[in-house]
């Protein structure tokens, strides 16, 4: 049996935030298939089909990316996503606790689709995640063709 395609790549090093996010998606009855990775290096391996993900063929419909990550920072993950023709059009939403103007500015310079500060309140965090899933997986329309690891997009995404 073939593996279910991944809708969301959740890059989150805080296990409590990851579990809450998964719980909210499940409770909201969104049929999302979520892959959780805990650091930037694993995120890049997943996206570019390297390391433990070398045999995977799928790409997520959206990346939910924390900024403050071990091994490789969220900013570097975003930079690499946007600089590669296979992933440059992939929607990326930064979901972080950082309210720093410098982080916000840098993310938009690098081409993030949205920057959301995680609410501290449990209920507000849950509602934010629910709305994210609804928007990016139900309402938003992405380019028709999903680019796989072996086929670069013919349309250059250079900024």
Protein backbone atom coordinates (compact mmCIF):
# COMPACT_ATOMS: atom_id res chain seq x y z
CA UNK A 1 0.00 0.00 0.00
CA UNK A 2 1.39 3.42 -0.98
CA UNK A 3 2.00 5.97 1.74
CA UNK A 4 -0.48 8.82 2.05
CA UNK A 5 0.83 12.07 0.56
CA UNK A 6 1.88 14.72 3.05
CA UNK A 7 -0.20 17.90 3.12
CA UNK A 8 1.79 19.72 5.81
CA UNK A 9 5.42 19.66 6.85
CA UNK A 10 5.46 20.90 10.45
CA UNK A 11 8.95 22.00 11.45
CA UNK A 12 8.73 22.42 15.22
CA UNK A 13 11.27 21.61 17.93
CA UNK A 14 8.85 22.12 20.84
CA UNK A 15 7.05 18.78 21.35
CA UNK A 16 4.14 20.45 23.18
CA UNK A 17 3.49 22.87 20.30
CA UNK A 18 3.77 20.03 17.77
CA UNK A 19 1.31 17.86 19.71
CA UNK A 20 -1.14 20.73 20.13
CA UNK A 21 -0.95 21.48 16.40
CA UNK A 22 -1.64 17.85 15.50
CA UNK A 23 -4.50 17.71 18.02
CA UNK A 24 -6.11 20.83 16.56
CA UNK A 25 -5.95 19.45 13.02
CA UNK A 26 -7.49 16.17 14.16
CA UNK A 27 -10.19 17.88 16.25
CA UNK A 28 -11.07 20.15 13.31
CA UNK A 29 -11.75 17.08 11.15
CA UNK A 30 -9.29 18.23 8.52
CA UNK A 31 -7.99 15.16 6.69
CA UNK A 32 -4.45 16.47 6.74
CA UNK A 33 -1.47 14.23 6.59
CA UNK A 34 1.23 15.92 8.63
CA UNK A 35 4.93 15.10 8.76
CA UNK A 36 6.61 16.51 11.87
CA UNK A 37 10.35 17.17 11.96
CA UNK A 38 12.15 18.65 14.95
CA UNK A 39 15.03 20.56 13.39
CA UNK A 40 16.04 22.44 10.28
CA UNK A 41 18.37 19.72 9.01
CA UNK A 42 15.55 17.15 9.00
CA UNK A 43 13.27 19.67 7.28
CA UNK A 44 15.77 20.12 4.47
CA UNK A 45 16.28 16.35 4.18
CA UNK A 46 12.51 15.86 3.93
CA UNK A 47 12.02 18.62 1.35
CA UNK A 48 14.97 17.61 -0.81
CA UNK A 49 14.59 13.83 -0.42
CA UNK A 50 17.93 13.27 1.31
CA UNK A 51 19.14 11.33 4.34
CA UNK A 52 16.36 9.21 5.87
CA UNK A 53 13.87 10.57 3.30
CA UNK A 54 15.85 9.64 0.18
CA UNK A 55 13.20 7.17 -1.01
CA UNK A 56 10.23 9.46 -0.50
CA UNK A 57 8.74 11.09 -3.58
CA UNK A 58 6.17 13.46 -2.15
CA UNK A 59 6.34 17.15 -1.37
CA UNK A 60 4.10 18.93 1.13
CA UNK A 61 1.41 21.38 0.09
CA UNK A 62 2.53 23.83 2.80
CA UNK A 63 5.38 24.16 5.29
CA UNK A 64 4.71 25.44 8.82
CA UNK A 65 8.13 26.60 9.94
CA UNK A 66 9.41 27.63 13.35
CA UNK A 67 12.38 30.02 13.25
CA UNK A 68 14.36 29.08 16.33
CA UNK A 69 15.43 25.53 15.44
CA UNK A 70 18.38 23.30 16.32
CA UNK A 71 21.00 22.32 13.70
CA UNK A 72 19.77 24.62 10.90
CA UNK A 73 17.77 27.78 11.63
CA UNK A 74 14.33 28.40 10.22
CA UNK A 75 15.71 31.37 8.27
CA UNK A 76 18.23 29.11 6.55
CA UNK A 77 15.52 26.54 5.78
CA UNK A 78 13.42 29.31 4.22
CA UNK A 79 16.43 30.60 2.27
CA UNK A 80 17.08 27.13 0.82
CA UNK A 81 13.41 26.51 -0.01
CA UNK A 82 13.22 29.78 -1.94
CA UNK A 83 16.56 29.31 -3.72
CA UNK A 84 15.78 25.89 -5.17
CA UNK A 85 13.64 25.60 -8.32
CA UNK A 86 12.01 22.42 -6.98
CA UNK A 87 10.54 24.19 -3.93
CA UNK A 88 10.61 27.92 -4.64
CA UNK A 89 6.83 28.16 -5.13
CA UNK A 90 5.95 26.03 -2.11
CA UNK A 91 3.87 27.97 0.44
CA UNK A 92 5.81 28.59 3.66
CA UNK A 93 4.19 29.95 6.81
CA UNK A 94 6.45 30.95 9.67
CA UNK A 95 4.78 30.00 12.95
CA UNK A 96 7.05 31.24 15.72
CA UNK A 97 7.21 32.91 19.10
CA UNK A 98 9.54 35.63 17.76
CA UNK A 99 8.02 39.09 17.60
CA UNK A 100 11.33 40.65 16.58
CA UNK A 101 11.02 43.12 13.71
CA UNK A 102 14.33 41.91 12.28
CA UNK A 103 13.00 38.34 12.01
CA UNK A 104 9.77 39.50 10.38
CA UNK A 105 11.64 41.70 7.88
CA UNK A 106 14.14 38.96 7.02
CA UNK A 107 11.41 36.36 6.48
CA UNK A 108 9.55 38.59 4.05
CA UNK A 109 12.80 39.48 2.27
CA UNK A 110 13.35 35.74 1.80
CA UNK A 111 9.84 35.26 0.41
CA UNK A 112 7.76 33.82 3.25
CA UNK A 113 4.05 33.65 2.44
CA UNK A 114 2.90 34.50 5.96
CA UNK A 115 4.43 35.25 9.38
CA UNK A 116 2.39 34.34 12.44
CA UNK A 117 3.40 34.84 16.06
CA UNK A 118 2.25 31.93 18.21
CA UNK A 119 -0.29 33.10 20.74
CA UNK A 120 0.65 32.27 24.34
CA UNK A 121 -2.94 31.39 25.25
CA UNK A 122 -3.78 27.72 24.63
CA UNK A 123 -7.20 28.39 23.07
CA UNK A 124 -5.89 31.20 20.85
CA UNK A 125 -3.00 29.02 19.67
CA UNK A 126 -5.44 26.25 18.78
CA UNK A 127 -7.73 28.61 16.88
CA UNK A 128 -4.76 30.09 14.98
CA UNK A 129 -3.63 26.63 13.90
CA UNK A 130 -7.17 25.67 12.85
CA UNK A 131 -7.48 28.79 10.72
CA UNK A 132 -4.04 28.17 9.18
CA UNK A 133 -5.06 24.68 8.11
CA UNK A 134 -8.38 25.88 6.75
CA UNK A 135 -6.81 28.67 4.73
CA UNK A 136 -3.73 26.89 3.32
CA UNK A 137 -5.33 23.50 2.64
CA UNK A 138 -8.92 24.36 1.76
CA UNK A 139 -9.18 27.97 0.57
CA UNK A 140 -5.75 28.70 -0.94
CA UNK A 141 -4.96 27.59 -4.49
CA UNK A 142 -1.36 26.68 -5.23
CA UNK A 143 0.20 26.07 -8.65
CA UNK A 144 -1.40 23.00 -10.23
CA UNK A 145 1.74 20.95 -10.64
CA UNK A 146 3.64 19.90 -7.54
CA UNK A 147 7.35 19.82 -8.26
CA UNK A 148 9.11 16.65 -7.17
CA UNK A 149 12.74 16.34 -6.11
CA UNK A 150 13.89 15.13 -9.50
CA UNK A 151 12.16 17.66 -11.71
CA UNK A 152 13.13 21.32 -11.46
CA UNK A 153 10.49 23.90 -12.25
CA UNK A 154 11.02 25.43 -15.67
CA UNK A 155 9.80 28.79 -14.37
CA UNK A 156 12.60 30.34 -12.38
CA UNK A 157 11.57 31.61 -8.97
CA UNK A 158 14.56 33.86 -8.44
CA UNK A 159 13.59 36.89 -6.44
